Amino acid sequence: MSIHILDILHPNAADRAARRQLEQEIAGYQTEADRHDLEAALDRYSDEETLEIRQILAQHAA
C-alpha cells in the first residue's frame, strides 16, 4: 500500500477527488430511464450506504 503525499498534507483532498469522480460517473446517467435504473439499484441498499450518491442525484435534479 502506498501513501500519496497529498493524502498526508491534505487528507480531505482524496475525499474531494473521489467525490468529483463519483459526480462525473453519476452525470453519465442522463436520461430519466438511466436515473430510474440507478435509483432502483440504490433501493437495494441502506440509506446510510447510498447517502452520498442520493445527495448528488438530488443536486443534479435541482
PDB file of N, CA and C in Angstrom:
ATOM      1  N   MET A   1       0.844  -1.177   0.000  1.00  0.00           N
ATOM      2  CA  MET A   1       0.000   0.000   0.000  1.00  0.00           C
ATOM      3  C   MET A   1       0.883   1.231   0.000  1.00  0.00           C
ATOM      4  N   SER A   2       0.627   2.128  -0.914  1.00  0.00           N
ATOM      5  CA  SER A   2       1.426   3.343  -0.956  1.00  0.00           C
ATOM      6  C   SER A   2       0.589   4.519  -0.467  1.00  0.00           C
ATOM      7  N   ILE A   3       1.266   5.493   0.077  1.00  0.00           N
ATOM      8  CA  ILE A   3       0.603   6.696   0.570  1.00  0.00           C
ATOM      9  C   ILE A   3       1.039   7.850  -0.314  1.00  0.00           C
ATOM     10  N   HIS A   4       0.083   8.555  -0.833  1.00  0.00           N
ATOM     11  CA  HIS A   4       0.373   9.712  -1.681  1.00  0.00           C
ATOM     12  C   HIS A   4       0.628  10.917  -0.782  1.00  0.00           C
ATOM     13  N   ILE A   5       1.600  11.723  -1.145  1.00  0.00           N
ATOM     14  CA  ILE A   5       1.979  12.882  -0.322  1.00  0.00           C
ATOM     15  C   ILE A   5       0.807  13.831  -0.095  1.00  0.00           C
ATOM     16  N   LEU A   6      -0.067  14.000  -1.099  1.00  0.00           N
ATOM     17  CA  LEU A   6      -1.212  14.891  -0.920  1.00  0.00           C
ATOM     18  C   LEU A   6      -2.178  14.356   0.135  1.00  0.00           C
ATOM     19  N   ASP A   7      -2.249  13.041   0.261  1.00  0.00           N
ATOM     20  CA  ASP A   7      -3.104  12.458   1.297  1.00  0.00           C
ATOM     21  C   ASP A   7      -2.588  12.793   2.693  1.00  0.00           C
ATOM     22  N   ILE A   8      -1.298  12.952   2.813  1.00  0.00           N
ATOM     23  CA  ILE A   8      -0.709  13.305   4.105  1.00  0.00           C
ATOM     24  C   ILE A   8      -0.898  14.798   4.373  1.00  0.00           C
ATOM     25  N   LEU A   9      -0.609  15.621   3.359  1.00  0.00           N
ATOM     26  CA  LEU A   9      -0.684  17.066   3.532  1.00  0.00           C
ATOM     27  C   LEU A   9      -2.122  17.578   3.572  1.00  0.00           C
ATOM     28  N   HIS A  10      -2.970  16.981   2.786  1.00  0.00           N
ATOM     29  CA  HIS A  10      -4.367  17.415   2.676  1.00  0.00           C
ATOM     30  C   HIS A  10      -5.269  16.178   2.681  1.00  0.00           C
ATOM     31  N   PRO A  11      -5.556  15.644   3.865  1.00  0.00           N
ATOM     32  CA  PRO A  11      -6.319  14.391   3.921  1.00  0.00           C
ATOM     33  C   PRO A  11      -7.681  14.482   3.241  1.00  0.00           C
ATOM     34  N   ASN A  12      -8.262  15.649   3.153  1.00  0.00           N
ATOM     35  CA  ASN A  12      -9.569  15.780   2.508  1.00  0.00           C
ATOM     36  C   ASN A  12      -9.461  15.864   0.992  1.00  0.00           C
ATOM     37  N   ALA A  13      -8.276  16.067   0.470  1.00  0.00           N
ATOM     38  CA  ALA A  13      -8.086  16.154  -0.979  1.00  0.00           C
ATOM     39  C   ALA A  13      -8.491  14.848  -1.649  1.00  0.00           C
ATOM     40  N   ALA A  14      -8.150  13.734  -1.044  1.00  0.00           N
ATOM     41  CA  ALA A  14      -8.521  12.434  -1.614  1.00  0.00           C
ATOM     42  C   ALA A  14     -10.035  12.265  -1.594  1.00  0.00           C
ATOM     43  N   ASP A  15     -10.670  12.723  -0.529  1.00  0.00           N
ATOM     44  CA  ASP A  15     -12.135  12.649  -0.453  1.00  0.00           C
ATOM     45  C   ASP A  15     -12.783  13.516  -1.523  1.00  0.00           C
ATOM     46  N   ARG A  16     -12.234  14.703  -1.720  1.00  0.00           N
ATOM     47  CA  ARG A  16     -12.787  15.610  -2.744  1.00  0.00           C
ATOM     48  C   ARG A  16     -12.600  15.027  -4.140  1.00  0.00           C
ATOM     49  N   ALA A  17     -11.456  14.435  -4.385  1.00  0.00           N
ATOM     50  CA  ALA A  17     -11.196  13.825  -5.694  1.00  0.00           C
ATOM     51  C   ALA A  17     -12.139  12.659  -5.934  1.00  0.00           C
ATOM     52  N   ALA A  18     -12.364  11.855  -4.915  1.00  0.00           N
ATOM     53  CA  ALA A  18     -13.283  10.727  -5.050  1.00  0.00           C
ATOM     54  C   ALA A  18     -14.706  11.221  -5.292  1.00  0.00           C
ATOM     55  N   ARG A  19     -15.083  12.284  -4.609  1.00  0.00           N
ATOM     56  CA  ARG A  19     -16.426  12.857  -4.792  1.00  0.00           C
ATOM     57  C   ARG A  19     -16.587  13.387  -6.219  1.00  0.00           C
ATOM     58  N   ARG A  20     -15.567  14.079  -6.733  1.00  0.00           N
ATOM     59  CA  ARG A  20     -15.627  14.595  -8.104  1.00  0.00           C
ATOM     60  C   ARG A  20     -15.763  13.457  -9.113  1.00  0.00           C
ATOM     61  N   GLN A  21     -15.027  12.389  -8.894  1.00  0.00           N
ATOM     62  CA  GLN A  21     -15.102  11.242  -9.795  1.00  0.00           C
ATOM     63  C   GLN A  21     -16.502  10.626  -9.742  1.00  0.00           C
ATOM     64  N   LEU A  22     -17.060  10.487  -8.548  1.00  0.00           N
ATOM     65  CA  LEU A  22     -18.404   9.950  -8.398  1.00  0.00           C
ATOM     66  C   LEU A  22     -19.422  10.845  -9.088  1.00  0.00           C
ATOM     67  N   GLU A  23     -19.278  12.154  -8.937  1.00  0.00           N
ATOM     68  CA  GLU A  23     -20.189  13.097  -9.595  1.00  0.00           C
ATOM     69  C   GLU A  23     -20.111  12.965 -11.110  1.00  0.00           C
ATOM     70  N   GLN A  24     -18.911  12.777 -11.640  1.00  0.00           N
ATOM     71  CA  GLN A  24     -18.748  12.613 -13.080  1.00  0.00           C
ATOM     72  C   GLN A  24     -19.404  11.321 -13.563  1.00  0.00           C
ATOM     73  N   GLU A  25     -19.248  10.259 -12.795  1.00  0.00           N
ATOM     74  CA  GLU A  25     -19.859   8.990 -13.173  1.00  0.00           C
ATOM     75  C   GLU A  25     -21.385   9.090 -13.138  1.00  0.00           C
ATOM     76  N   ILE A  26     -21.909   9.738 -12.117  1.00  0.00           N
ATOM     77  CA  ILE A  26     -23.364   9.883 -11.996  1.00  0.00           C
ATOM     78  C   ILE A  26     -23.893  10.786 -13.110  1.00  0.00           C
ATOM     79  N   ALA A  27     -23.115  11.769 -13.531  1.00  0.00           N
ATOM     80  CA  ALA A  27     -23.542  12.656 -14.613  1.00  0.00           C
ATOM     81  C   ALA A  27     -23.778  11.870 -15.903  1.00  0.00           C
ATOM     82  N   GLY A  28     -23.174  10.704 -16.002  1.00  0.00           N
ATOM     83  CA  GLY A  28     -23.374   9.854 -17.165  1.00  0.00           C
ATOM     84  C   GLY A  28     -24.782   9.291 -17.252  1.00  0.00           C
ATOM     85  N   TYR A  29     -25.506   9.305 -16.150  1.00  0.00           N
ATOM     86  CA  TYR A  29     -26.895   8.842 -16.117  1.00  0.00           C
ATOM     87  C   TYR A  29     -27.766  10.021 -16.528  1.00  0.00           C
ATOM     88  N   GLN A  30     -27.904  10.232 -17.829  1.00  0.00           N
ATOM     89  CA  GLN A  30     -28.538  11.443 -18.323  1.00  0.00           C
ATOM     90  C   GLN A  30     -30.033  11.307 -18.551  1.00  0.00           C
ATOM     91  N   THR A  31     -30.491  10.147 -18.960  1.00  0.00           N
ATOM     92  CA  THR A  31     -31.913  10.015 -19.259  1.00  0.00           C
ATOM     93  C   THR A  31     -32.682   9.665 -17.991  1.00  0.00           C
ATOM     94  N   GLU A  32     -33.971   9.898 -18.040  1.00  0.00           N
ATOM     95  CA  GLU A  32     -34.817   9.569 -16.900  1.00  0.00           C
ATOM     96  C   GLU A  32     -34.786   8.063 -16.638  1.00  0.00           C
ATOM     97  N   ALA A  33     -34.756   7.276 -17.687  1.00  0.00           N
ATOM     98  CA  ALA A  33     -34.692   5.811 -17.535  1.00  0.00           C
ATOM     99  C   ALA A  33     -33.384   5.395 -16.845  1.00  0.00           C
ATOM    100  N   ASP A  34     -32.281   6.034 -17.228  1.00  0.00           N
ATOM    101  CA  ASP A  34     -30.993   5.743 -16.587  1.00  0.00           C
ATOM    102  C   ASP A  34     -31.065   6.034 -15.093  1.00  0.00           C
ATOM    103  N   ARG A  35     -31.635   7.196 -14.754  1.00  0.00           N
ATOM    104  CA  ARG A  35     -31.723   7.576 -13.337  1.00  0.00           C
ATOM    105  C   ARG A  35     -32.630   6.626 -12.565  1.00  0.00           C
ATOM    106  N   HIS A  36     -33.721   6.190 -13.184  1.00  0.00           N
ATOM    107  CA  HIS A  36     -34.617   5.236 -12.518  1.00  0.00           C
ATOM    108  C   HIS A  36     -33.904   3.906 -12.271  1.00  0.00           C
ATOM    109  N   ASP A  37     -33.108   3.471 -13.240  1.00  0.00           N
ATOM    110  CA  ASP A  37     -32.344   2.239 -13.065  1.00  0.00           C
ATOM    111  C   ASP A  37     -31.361   2.379 -11.910  1.00  0.00           C
ATOM    112  N   LEU A  38     -30.687   3.511 -11.834  1.00  0.00           N
ATOM    113  CA  LEU A  38     -29.736   3.751 -10.742  1.00  0.00           C
ATOM    114  C   LEU A  38     -30.460   3.785  -9.408  1.00  0.00           C
ATOM    115  N   GLU A  39     -31.585   4.490  -9.349  1.00  0.00           N
ATOM    116  CA  GLU A  39     -32.348   4.569  -8.106  1.00  0.00           C
ATOM    117  C   GLU A  39     -32.856   3.194  -7.678  1.00  0.00           C
ATOM    118  N   ALA A  40     -33.252   2.362  -8.643  1.00  0.00           N
ATOM    119  CA  ALA A  40     -33.700   1.011  -8.320  1.00  0.00           C
ATOM    120  C   ALA A  40     -32.554   0.199  -7.712  1.00  0.00           C
ATOM    121  N   ALA A  41     -31.367   0.364  -8.249  1.00  0.00           N
ATOM    122  CA  ALA A  41     -30.205  -0.322  -7.686  1.00  0.00           C
ATOM    123  C   ALA A  41     -29.896   0.191  -6.283  1.00  0.00           C
ATOM    124  N   LEU A  42     -30.007   1.507  -6.082  1.00  0.00           N
ATOM    125  CA  LEU A  42     -29.738   2.086  -4.770  1.00  0.00           C
ATOM    126  C   LEU A  42     -30.738   1.620  -3.721  1.00  0.00           C
ATOM    127  N   ASP A  43     -31.965   1.358  -4.145  1.00  0.00           N
ATOM    128  CA  ASP A  43     -33.006   0.922  -3.208  1.00  0.00           C
ATOM    129  C   ASP A  43     -32.686  -0.416  -2.561  1.00  0.00           C
ATOM    130  N   ARG A  44     -31.750  -1.153  -3.121  1.00  0.00           N
ATOM    131  CA  ARG A  44     -31.351  -2.444  -2.552  1.00  0.00           C
ATOM    132  C   ARG A  44     -30.397  -2.293  -1.370  1.00  0.00           C
ATOM    133  N   TYR A  45     -29.956  -1.059  -1.137  1.00  0.00           N
ATOM    134  CA  TYR A  45     -29.002  -0.790  -0.072  1.00  0.00           C
ATOM    135  C   TYR A  45     -29.595   0.196   0.927  1.00  0.00           C
ATOM    136  N   SER A  46     -28.985   0.290   2.077  1.00  0.00           N
ATOM    137  CA  SER A  46     -29.484   1.190   3.115  1.00  0.00           C
ATOM    138  C   SER A  46     -29.252   2.640   2.725  1.00  0.00           C
ATOM    139  N   ASP A  47     -30.036   3.515   3.319  1.00  0.00           N
ATOM    140  CA  ASP A  47     -29.873   4.950   3.076  1.00  0.00           C
ATOM    141  C   ASP A  47     -28.477   5.406   3.494  1.00  0.00           C
ATOM    142  N   GLU A  48     -27.972   4.824   4.546  1.00  0.00           N
ATOM    143  CA  GLU A  48     -26.635   5.195   5.030  1.00  0.00           C
ATOM    144  C   GLU A  48     -25.573   4.874   3.974  1.00  0.00           C
ATOM    145  N   GLU A  49     -25.707   3.728   3.325  1.00  0.00           N
ATOM    146  CA  GLU A  49     -24.728   3.319   2.324  1.00  0.00           C
ATOM    147  C   GLU A  49     -24.822   4.140   1.036  1.00  0.00           C
ATOM    148  N   THR A  50     -25.996   4.656   0.747  1.00  0.00           N
ATOM    149  CA  THR A  50     -26.217   5.346  -0.527  1.00  0.00           C
ATOM    150  C   THR A  50     -26.412   6.854  -0.375  1.00  0.00           C
ATOM    151  N   LEU A  51     -26.225   7.372   0.809  1.00  0.00           N
ATOM    152  CA  LEU A  51     -26.495   8.777   1.082  1.00  0.00           C
ATOM    153  C   LEU A  51     -25.765   9.715   0.126  1.00  0.00           C
ATOM    154  N   GLU A  52     -24.483   9.518  -0.051  1.00  0.00           N
ATOM    155  CA  GLU A  52     -23.704  10.421  -0.889  1.00  0.00           C
ATOM    156  C   GLU A  52     -24.205  10.407  -2.343  1.00  0.00           C
ATOM    157  N   ILE A  53     -24.493   9.236  -2.851  1.00  0.00           N
ATOM    158  CA  ILE A  53     -24.990   9.125  -4.227  1.00  0.00           C
ATOM    159  C   ILE A  53     -26.347   9.797  -4.345  1.00  0.00           C
ATOM    160  N   ARG A  54     -27.216   9.577  -3.375  1.00  0.00           N
ATOM    161  CA  ARG A  54     -28.543  10.193  -3.407  1.00  0.00           C
ATOM    162  C   ARG A  54     -28.445  11.723  -3.319  1.00  0.00           C
ATOM    163  N   GLN A  55     -27.495  12.217  -2.544  1.00  0.00           N
ATOM    164  CA  GLN A  55     -27.303  13.671  -2.452  1.00  0.00           C
ATOM    165  C   GLN A  55     -26.877  14.243  -3.800  1.00  0.00           C
ATOM    166  N   ILE A  56     -25.977  13.557  -4.465  1.00  0.00           N
ATOM    167  CA  ILE A  56     -25.516  14.021  -5.779  1.00  0.00           C
ATOM    168  C   ILE A  56     -26.670  13.981  -6.775  1.00  0.00           C
ATOM    169  N   LEU A  57     -27.457  12.916  -6.755  1.00  0.00           N
ATOM    170  CA  LEU A  57     -28.613  12.830  -7.656  1.00  0.00           C
ATOM    171  C   LEU A  57     -29.588  13.979  -7.403  1.00  0.00           C
ATOM    172  N   ALA A  58     -29.806  14.303  -6.147  1.00  0.00           N
ATOM    173  CA  ALA A  58     -30.726  15.398  -5.814  1.00  0.00           C
ATOM    174  C   ALA A  58     -30.180  16.730  -6.315  1.00  0.00           C
ATOM    175  N   GLN A  59     -28.882  16.936  -6.219  1.00  0.00           N
ATOM    176  CA  GLN A  59     -28.276  18.173  -6.716  1.00  0.00           C
ATOM    177  C   GLN A  59     -28.434  18.285  -8.229  1.00  0.00           C
ATOM    178  N   HIS A  60     -28.295  17.178  -8.919  1.00  0.00           N
ATOM    179  CA  HIS A  60     -28.421  17.191 -10.369  1.00  0.00           C
ATOM    180  C   HIS A  60     -29.863  17.391 -10.797  1.00  0.00           C
ATOM    181  N   ALA A  61     -30.799  16.958  -9.977  1.00  0.00           N
ATOM    182  CA  ALA A  61     -32.214  17.099 -10.303  1.00  0.00           C
ATOM    183  C   ALA A  61     -32.698  18.533 -10.098  1.00  0.00           C
ATOM    184  N   ALA A  62     -32.005  19.258  -9.235  1.00  0.00           N
ATOM    185  CA  ALA A  62     -32.418  20.637  -8.912  1.00  0.00           C
ATOM    186  C   ALA A  62     -32.092  21.618 -10.006  1.00  0.00           C
TER     187      ALA A  62
END
